[in-house]
Amino acid sequence: MCPQCNTRYDDWDHGGEGQEDAYAVTVQRCVGCQVIADRQDQLGRDGVDTNGVKVGLIPAAAAAALQAQRELAGHRHRITDDD
């Protein structure tokens, strides 16, 4: 079994006359995958070491909550430093 396309060699007709292949090729664009690939490319152009870096998608509300949490933690850290 091919780990990339999940077909077996025997799934294909290997040129048999009049036999249709068991699979048909389709092409579709996934906007999510496109956005991930664009961000990966941008990181590389920005000179970021991308070894081990995983770019993924999370819901916008979750991203906003994480950002608010970071800002609150930064604010608390500044207050503690000022004391």
PDB file of N, CA and C in Angstrom:
ATOM      1  N   MET A   1       0.861  -1.182   0.000  1.00  0.00           N
ATOM      2  CA  MET A   1       0.000   0.000   0.000  1.00  0.00           C
ATOM      3  C   MET A   1       0.898   1.233   0.000  1.00  0.00           C
ATOM      4  N   CYS A   2       0.567   2.166  -0.857  1.00  0.00           N
ATOM      5  CA  CYS A   2       1.322   3.418  -0.921  1.00  0.00           C
ATOM      6  C   CYS A   2       0.905   4.303   0.259  1.00  0.00           C
ATOM      7  N   PRO A   3       1.867   4.803   1.046  1.00  0.00           N
ATOM      8  CA  PRO A   3       1.517   5.645   2.189  1.00  0.00           C
ATOM      9  C   PRO A   3       0.990   7.022   1.798  1.00  0.00           C
ATOM     10  N   GLN A   4       1.236   7.426   0.571  1.00  0.00           N
ATOM     11  CA  GLN A   4       0.784   8.754   0.155  1.00  0.00           C
ATOM     12  C   GLN A   4      -0.621   8.725  -0.438  1.00  0.00           C
ATOM     13  N   CYS A   5      -0.882   7.796  -1.360  1.00  0.00           N
ATOM     14  CA  CYS A   5      -2.190   7.800  -2.032  1.00  0.00           C
ATOM     15  C   CYS A   5      -3.113   6.676  -1.562  1.00  0.00           C
ATOM     16  N   ASN A   6      -2.614   5.784  -0.733  1.00  0.00           N
ATOM     17  CA  ASN A   6      -3.414   4.690  -0.155  1.00  0.00           C
ATOM     18  C   ASN A   6      -3.993   3.724  -1.177  1.00  0.00           C
ATOM     19  N   THR A   7      -3.292   3.532  -2.291  1.00  0.00           N
ATOM     20  CA  THR A   7      -3.712   2.505  -3.242  1.00  0.00           C
ATOM     21  C   THR A   7      -2.652   1.411  -3.283  1.00  0.00           C
ATOM     22  N   ARG A   8      -3.060   0.270  -3.790  1.00  0.00           N
ATOM     23  CA  ARG A   8      -2.125  -0.847  -3.959  1.00  0.00           C
ATOM     24  C   ARG A   8      -1.801  -0.993  -5.434  1.00  0.00           C
ATOM     25  N   TYR A   9      -0.685  -1.579  -5.728  1.00  0.00           N
ATOM     26  CA  TYR A   9      -0.279  -1.813  -7.108  1.00  0.00           C
ATOM     27  C   TYR A   9      -1.361  -2.586  -7.862  1.00  0.00           C
ATOM     28  N   ASP A  10      -1.944  -3.575  -7.213  1.00  0.00           N
ATOM     29  CA  ASP A  10      -2.958  -4.412  -7.857  1.00  0.00           C
ATOM     30  C   ASP A  10      -4.280  -3.690  -8.092  1.00  0.00           C
ATOM     31  N   ASP A  11      -4.464  -2.498  -7.506  1.00  0.00           N
ATOM     32  CA  ASP A  11      -5.689  -1.725  -7.730  1.00  0.00           C
ATOM     33  C   ASP A  11      -5.755  -1.156  -9.141  1.00  0.00           C
ATOM     34  N   TRP A  12      -4.631  -1.126  -9.828  1.00  0.00           N
ATOM     35  CA  TRP A  12      -4.564  -0.514 -11.142  1.00  0.00           C
ATOM     36  C   TRP A  12      -4.583  -1.591 -12.212  1.00  0.00           C
ATOM     37  N   ASP A  13      -5.174  -1.289 -13.366  1.00  0.00           N
ATOM     38  CA  ASP A  13      -5.345  -2.316 -14.407  1.00  0.00           C
ATOM     39  C   ASP A  13      -4.069  -2.593 -15.189  1.00  0.00           C
ATOM     40  N   HIS A  14      -3.065  -1.759 -15.056  1.00  0.00           N
ATOM     41  CA  HIS A  14      -1.768  -1.968 -15.702  1.00  0.00           C
ATOM     42  C   HIS A  14      -1.878  -2.093 -17.215  1.00  0.00           C
ATOM     43  N   GLY A  15      -2.744  -1.279 -17.796  1.00  0.00           N
ATOM     44  CA  GLY A  15      -2.816  -1.204 -19.247  1.00  0.00           C
ATOM     45  C   GLY A  15      -3.744  -2.206 -19.900  1.00  0.00           C
ATOM     46  N   GLY A  16      -4.577  -2.878 -19.113  1.00  0.00           N
ATOM     47  CA  GLY A  16      -5.517  -3.834 -19.708  1.00  0.00           C
ATOM     48  C   GLY A  16      -6.490  -3.121 -20.629  1.00  0.00           C
ATOM     49  N   GLU A  17      -6.669  -3.648 -21.817  1.00  0.00           N
ATOM     50  CA  GLU A  17      -7.551  -3.047 -22.821  1.00  0.00           C
ATOM     51  C   GLU A  17      -8.997  -3.054 -22.326  1.00  0.00           C
ATOM     52  N   GLY A  18      -9.658  -1.909 -22.398  1.00  0.00           N
ATOM     53  CA  GLY A  18     -11.073  -1.823 -22.074  1.00  0.00           C
ATOM     54  C   GLY A  18     -11.387  -1.847 -20.589  1.00  0.00           C
ATOM     55  N   GLN A  19     -10.396  -1.901 -19.750  1.00  0.00           N
ATOM     56  CA  GLN A  19     -10.637  -1.905 -18.308  1.00  0.00           C
ATOM     57  C   GLN A  19     -10.427  -0.499 -17.750  1.00  0.00           C
ATOM     58  N   GLU A  20     -11.343  -0.111 -16.891  1.00  0.00           N
ATOM     59  CA  GLU A  20     -11.205   1.201 -16.260  1.00  0.00           C
ATOM     60  C   GLU A  20     -10.390   1.066 -14.980  1.00  0.00           C
ATOM     61  N   ASP A  21      -9.661   2.117 -14.660  1.00  0.00           N
ATOM     62  CA  ASP A  21      -8.933   2.124 -13.396  1.00  0.00           C
ATOM     63  C   ASP A  21      -9.919   2.158 -12.236  1.00  0.00           C
ATOM     64  N   ALA A  22      -9.491   1.653 -11.095  1.00  0.00           N
ATOM     65  CA  ALA A  22     -10.341   1.640  -9.904  1.00  0.00           C
ATOM     66  C   ALA A  22     -10.485   3.035  -9.287  1.00  0.00           C
ATOM     67  N   TYR A  23      -9.614   3.948  -9.678  1.00  0.00           N
ATOM     68  CA  TYR A  23      -9.632   5.293  -9.112  1.00  0.00           C
ATOM     69  C   TYR A  23      -9.604   6.330 -10.224  1.00  0.00           C
ATOM     70  N   ALA A  24     -10.169   7.468  -9.931  1.00  0.00           N
ATOM     71  CA  ALA A  24     -10.104   8.610 -10.843  1.00  0.00           C
ATOM     72  C   ALA A  24      -9.410   9.753 -10.103  1.00  0.00           C
ATOM     73  N   VAL A  25      -8.652  10.527 -10.828  1.00  0.00           N
ATOM     74  CA  VAL A  25      -7.952  11.665 -10.235  1.00  0.00           C
ATOM     75  C   VAL A  25      -8.915  12.835 -10.114  1.00  0.00           C
ATOM     76  N   THR A  26      -8.904  13.474  -8.964  1.00  0.00           N
ATOM     77  CA  THR A  26      -9.675  14.700  -8.775  1.00  0.00           C
ATOM     78  C   THR A  26      -8.721  15.787  -8.297  1.00  0.00           C
ATOM     79  N   VAL A  27      -9.066  16.997  -8.588  1.00  0.00           N
ATOM     80  CA  VAL A  27      -8.271  18.136  -8.142  1.00  0.00           C
ATOM     81  C   VAL A  27      -9.206  19.078  -7.406  1.00  0.00           C
ATOM     82  N   GLN A  28      -8.827  19.435  -6.217  1.00  0.00           N
ATOM     83  CA  GLN A  28      -9.617  20.408  -5.474  1.00  0.00           C
ATOM     84  C   GLN A  28      -8.670  21.284  -4.678  1.00  0.00           C
ATOM     85  N   ARG A  29      -9.109  22.472  -4.410  1.00  0.00           N
ATOM     86  CA  ARG A  29      -8.295  23.399  -3.622  1.00  0.00           C
ATOM     87  C   ARG A  29      -8.920  23.523  -2.243  1.00  0.00           C
ATOM     88  N   CYS A  30      -8.097  23.346  -1.245  1.00  0.00           N
ATOM     89  CA  CYS A  30      -8.526  23.550   0.136  1.00  0.00           C
ATOM     90  C   CYS A  30      -7.949  24.891   0.586  1.00  0.00           C
ATOM     91  N   VAL A  31      -8.809  25.829   0.906  1.00  0.00           N
ATOM     92  CA  VAL A  31      -8.355  27.156   1.307  1.00  0.00           C
ATOM     93  C   VAL A  31      -7.525  27.065   2.590  1.00  0.00           C
ATOM     94  N   GLY A  32      -7.917  26.197   3.506  1.00  0.00           N
ATOM     95  CA  GLY A  32      -7.151  26.029   4.742  1.00  0.00           C
ATOM     96  C   GLY A  32      -5.731  25.569   4.463  1.00  0.00           C
ATOM     97  N   CYS A  33      -5.581  24.563   3.610  1.00  0.00           N
ATOM     98  CA  CYS A  33      -4.245  24.073   3.245  1.00  0.00           C
ATOM     99  C   CYS A  33      -3.452  25.151   2.513  1.00  0.00           C
ATOM    100  N   GLN A  34      -4.132  25.948   1.710  1.00  0.00           N
ATOM    101  CA  GLN A  34      -3.466  27.029   0.983  1.00  0.00           C
ATOM    102  C   GLN A  34      -2.939  28.086   1.957  1.00  0.00           C
ATOM    103  N   VAL A  35      -3.746  28.445   2.947  1.00  0.00           N
ATOM    104  CA  VAL A  35      -3.334  29.438   3.939  1.00  0.00           C
ATOM    105  C   VAL A  35      -2.137  28.919   4.741  1.00  0.00           C
ATOM    106  N   ILE A  36      -2.167  27.639   5.108  1.00  0.00           N
ATOM    107  CA  ILE A  36      -1.045  27.039   5.836  1.00  0.00           C
ATOM    108  C   ILE A  36       0.220  27.085   4.983  1.00  0.00           C
ATOM    109  N   ALA A  37       0.121  26.679   3.723  1.00  0.00           N
ATOM    110  CA  ALA A  37       1.284  26.681   2.829  1.00  0.00           C
ATOM    111  C   ALA A  37       1.816  28.096   2.628  1.00  0.00           C
ATOM    112  N   ASP A  38       0.912  29.073   2.488  1.00  0.00           N
ATOM    113  CA  ASP A  38       1.337  30.469   2.329  1.00  0.00           C
ATOM    114  C   ASP A  38       2.116  30.942   3.557  1.00  0.00           C
ATOM    115  N   ARG A  39       1.642  30.588   4.740  1.00  0.00           N
ATOM    116  CA  ARG A  39       2.318  31.006   5.981  1.00  0.00           C
ATOM    117  C   ARG A  39       3.679  30.326   6.108  1.00  0.00           C
ATOM    118  N   GLN A  40       3.757  29.040   5.744  1.00  0.00           N
ATOM    119  CA  GLN A  40       5.037  28.331   5.773  1.00  0.00           C
ATOM    120  C   GLN A  40       6.035  28.997   4.828  1.00  0.00           C
ATOM    121  N   ASP A  41       5.576  29.348   3.632  1.00  0.00           N
ATOM    122  CA  ASP A  41       6.443  30.039   2.672  1.00  0.00           C
ATOM    123  C   ASP A  41       6.915  31.379   3.227  1.00  0.00           C
ATOM    124  N   GLN A  42       6.011  32.126   3.847  1.00  0.00           N
ATOM    125  CA  GLN A  42       6.351  33.436   4.404  1.00  0.00           C
ATOM    126  C   GLN A  42       7.387  33.305   5.512  1.00  0.00           C
ATOM    127  N   LEU A  43       7.237  32.305   6.364  1.00  0.00           N
ATOM    128  CA  LEU A  43       8.218  32.091   7.430  1.00  0.00           C
ATOM    129  C   LEU A  43       9.603  31.859   6.840  1.00  0.00           C
ATOM    130  N   GLY A  44       9.666  31.056   5.778  1.00  0.00           N
ATOM    131  CA  GLY A  44      10.943  30.792   5.118  1.00  0.00           C
ATOM    132  C   GLY A  44      11.543  32.051   4.516  1.00  0.00           C
ATOM    133  N   ARG A  45      10.709  32.868   3.868  1.00  0.00           N
ATOM    134  CA  ARG A  45      11.199  34.121   3.279  1.00  0.00           C
ATOM    135  C   ARG A  45      11.659  35.102   4.350  1.00  0.00           C
ATOM    136  N   ASP A  46      11.044  35.020   5.535  1.00  0.00           N
ATOM    137  CA  ASP A  46      11.415  35.909   6.642  1.00  0.00           C
ATOM    138  C   ASP A  46      12.677  35.439   7.357  1.00  0.00           C
ATOM    139  N   GLY A  47      13.228  34.314   6.913  1.00  0.00           N
ATOM    140  CA  GLY A  47      14.459  33.810   7.510  1.00  0.00           C
ATOM    141  C   GLY A  47      14.257  33.023   8.790  1.00  0.00           C
ATOM    142  N   VAL A  48      13.020  32.645   9.080  1.00  0.00           N
ATOM    143  CA  VAL A  48      12.734  31.864  10.281  1.00  0.00           C
ATOM    144  C   VAL A  48      13.192  30.425  10.055  1.00  0.00           C
ATOM    145  N   ASP A  49      13.879  29.847  11.036  1.00  0.00           N
ATOM    146  CA  ASP A  49      14.263  28.439  10.965  1.00  0.00           C
ATOM    147  C   ASP A  49      12.988  27.617  11.139  1.00  0.00           C
ATOM    148  N   THR A  50      12.543  26.952  10.090  1.00  0.00           N
ATOM    149  CA  THR A  50      11.275  26.223  10.129  1.00  0.00           C
ATOM    150  C   THR A  50      11.440  24.748  10.466  1.00  0.00           C
ATOM    151  N   ASN A  51      12.659  24.321  10.804  1.00  0.00           N
ATOM    152  CA  ASN A  51      12.838  22.930  11.214  1.00  0.00           C
ATOM    153  C   ASN A  51      12.039  22.666  12.479  1.00  0.00           C
ATOM    154  N   GLY A  52      11.137  21.709  12.407  1.00  0.00           N
ATOM    155  CA  GLY A  52      10.317  21.353  13.552  1.00  0.00           C
ATOM    156  C   GLY A  52       9.122  22.253  13.778  1.00  0.00           C
ATOM    157  N   VAL A  53       8.936  23.258  12.942  1.00  0.00           N
ATOM    158  CA  VAL A  53       7.812  24.181  13.100  1.00  0.00           C
ATOM    159  C   VAL A  53       6.593  23.604  12.402  1.00  0.00           C
ATOM    160  N   LYS A  54       5.480  23.554  13.108  1.00  0.00           N
ATOM    161  CA  LYS A  54       4.225  23.063  12.549  1.00  0.00           C
ATOM    162  C   LYS A  54       3.256  24.229  12.476  1.00  0.00           C
ATOM    163  N   VAL A  55       2.801  24.537  11.287  1.00  0.00           N
ATOM    164  CA  VAL A  55       1.811  25.593  11.092  1.00  0.00           C
ATOM    165  C   VAL A  55       0.449  24.919  11.016  1.00  0.00           C
ATOM    166  N   GLY A  56      -0.499  25.393  11.792  1.00  0.00           N
ATOM    167  CA  GLY A  56      -1.828  24.793  11.809  1.00  0.00           C
ATOM    168  C   GLY A  56      -2.895  25.865  11.907  1.00  0.00           C
ATOM    169  N   LEU A  57      -4.118  25.426  11.929  1.00  0.00           N
ATOM    170  CA  LEU A  57      -5.264  26.329  12.019  1.00  0.00           C
ATOM    171  C   LEU A  57      -6.008  26.084  13.324  1.00  0.00           C
ATOM    172  N   ILE A  58      -6.424  27.162  13.970  1.00  0.00           N
ATOM    173  CA  ILE A  58      -7.312  27.072  15.122  1.00  0.00           C
ATOM    174  C   ILE A  58      -8.448  28.059  14.878  1.00  0.00           C
ATOM    175  N   PRO A  59      -9.596  27.853  15.508  1.00  0.00           N
ATOM    176  CA  PRO A  59     -10.698  28.797  15.325  1.00  0.00           C
ATOM    177  C   PRO A  59     -10.287  30.213  15.743  1.00  0.00           C
ATOM    178  N   ALA A  60     -10.812  31.205  15.047  1.00  0.00           N
ATOM    179  CA  ALA A  60     -10.465  32.605  15.314  1.00  0.00           C
ATOM    180  C   ALA A  60     -10.770  32.986  16.763  1.00  0.00           C
ATOM    181  N   ALA A  61     -11.867  32.479  17.317  1.00  0.00           N
ATOM    182  CA  ALA A  61     -12.216  32.798  18.704  1.00  0.00           C
ATOM    183  C   ALA A  61     -11.156  32.256  19.663  1.00  0.00           C
ATOM    184  N   ALA A  62     -10.642  31.069  19.381  1.00  0.00           N
ATOM    185  CA  ALA A  62      -9.588  30.493  20.223  1.00  0.00           C
ATOM    186  C   ALA A  62      -8.309  31.312  20.102  1.00  0.00           C
ATOM    187  N   ALA A  63      -7.986  31.769  18.897  1.00  0.00           N
ATOM    188  CA  ALA A  63      -6.795  32.598  18.698  1.00  0.00           C
ATOM    189  C   ALA A  63      -6.924  33.911  19.467  1.00  0.00           C
ATOM    190  N   ALA A  64      -8.109  34.511  19.441  1.00  0.00           N
ATOM    191  CA  ALA A  64      -8.337  35.762  20.169  1.00  0.00           C
ATOM    192  C   ALA A  64      -8.205  35.542  21.673  1.00  0.00           C
ATOM    193  N   ALA A  65      -8.719  34.423  22.168  1.00  0.00           N
ATOM    194  CA  ALA A  65      -8.613  34.116  23.596  1.00  0.00           C
ATOM    195  C   ALA A  65      -7.157  33.915  24.000  1.00  0.00           C
ATOM    196  N   LEU A  66      -6.385  33.226  23.168  1.00  0.00           N
ATOM    197  CA  LEU A  66      -4.962  33.027  23.457  1.00  0.00           C
ATOM    198  C   LEU A  66      -4.214  34.357  23.471  1.00  0.00           C
ATOM    199  N   GLN A  67      -4.530  35.232  22.521  1.00  0.00           N
ATOM    200  CA  GLN A  67      -3.887  36.550  22.464  1.00  0.00           C
ATOM    201  C   GLN A  67      -4.227  37.368  23.703  1.00  0.00           C
ATOM    202  N   ALA A  68      -5.497  37.341  24.110  1.00  0.00           N
ATOM    203  CA  ALA A  68      -5.912  38.076  25.308  1.00  0.00           C
ATOM    204  C   ALA A  68      -5.200  37.531  26.541  1.00  0.00           C
ATOM    205  N   GLN A  69      -5.045  36.219  26.605  1.00  0.00           N
ATOM    206  CA  GLN A  69      -4.352  35.595  27.729  1.00  0.00           C
ATOM    207  C   GLN A  69      -2.883  36.033  27.765  1.00  0.00           C
ATOM    208  N   ARG A  70      -2.232  36.075  26.591  1.00  0.00           N
ATOM    209  CA  ARG A  70      -0.836  36.525  26.520  1.00  0.00           C
ATOM    210  C   ARG A  70      -0.710  37.982  26.965  1.00  0.00           C
ATOM    211  N   GLU A  71      -1.642  38.812  26.503  1.00  0.00           N
ATOM    212  CA  GLU A  71      -1.598  40.231  26.866  1.00  0.00           C
ATOM    213  C   GLU A  71      -1.821  40.422  28.359  1.00  0.00           C
ATOM    214  N   LEU A  72      -2.747  39.663  28.929  1.00  0.00           N
ATOM    215  CA  LEU A  72      -3.017  39.751  30.361  1.00  0.00           C
ATOM    216  C   LEU A  72      -1.799  39.295  31.155  1.00  0.00           C
ATOM    217  N   ALA A  73      -1.175  38.219  30.729  1.00  0.00           N
ATOM    218  CA  ALA A  73       0.023  37.727  31.413  1.00  0.00           C
ATOM    219  C   ALA A  73       1.143  38.758  31.315  1.00  0.00           C
ATOM    220  N   GLY A  74       1.291  39.395  30.169  1.00  0.00           N
ATOM    221  CA  GLY A  74       2.303  40.439  30.007  1.00  0.00           C
ATOM    222  C   GLY A  74       2.021  41.635  30.896  1.00  0.00           C
ATOM    223  N   HIS A  75       0.741  42.000  30.999  1.00  0.00           N
ATOM    224  CA  HIS A  75       0.344  43.122  31.849  1.00  0.00           C
ATOM    225  C   HIS A  75       0.638  42.798  33.311  1.00  0.00           C
ATOM    226  N   ARG A  76       0.300  41.594  33.736  1.00  0.00           N
ATOM    227  CA  ARG A  76       0.570  41.181  35.120  1.00  0.00           C
ATOM    228  C   ARG A  76       2.068  41.186  35.396  1.00  0.00           C
ATOM    229  N   HIS A  77       2.844  40.735  34.409  1.00  0.00           N
ATOM    230  CA  HIS A  77       4.299  40.696  34.575  1.00  0.00           C
ATOM    231  C   HIS A  77       4.850  42.113  34.746  1.00  0.00           C
ATOM    232  N   ARG A  78       4.329  43.068  33.975  1.00  0.00           N
ATOM    233  CA  ARG A  78       4.781  44.461  34.082  1.00  0.00           C
ATOM    234  C   ARG A  78       4.410  45.056  35.440  1.00  0.00           C
ATOM    235  N   ILE A  79       3.209  44.731  35.945  1.00  0.00           N
ATOM    236  CA  ILE A  79       2.779  45.244  37.252  1.00  0.00           C
ATOM    237  C   ILE A  79       3.705  44.704  38.340  1.00  0.00           C
ATOM    238  N   THR A  80       4.025  43.428  38.277  1.00  0.00           N
ATOM    239  CA  THR A  80       4.912  42.804  39.265  1.00  0.00           C
ATOM    240  C   THR A  80       6.298  43.429  39.211  1.00  0.00           C
ATOM    241  N   ASP A  81       6.798  43.704  38.011  1.00  0.00           N
ATOM    242  CA  ASP A  81       8.120  44.312  37.858  1.00  0.00           C
ATOM    243  C   ASP A  81       8.153  45.735  38.411  1.00  0.00           C
ATOM    244  N   ASP A  82       7.021  46.443  38.333  1.00  0.00           N
ATOM    245  CA  ASP A  82       6.963  47.823  38.803  1.00  0.00           C
ATOM    246  C   ASP A  82       6.911  47.907  40.323  1.00  0.00           C
ATOM    247  N   ASP A  83       6.457  46.845  40.974  1.00  0.00           N
ATOM    248  CA  ASP A  83       6.308  46.857  42.442  1.00  0.00           C
ATOM    249  C   ASP A  83       7.618  46.790  43.155  1.00  0.00           C
TER     250      ASP A  83
END
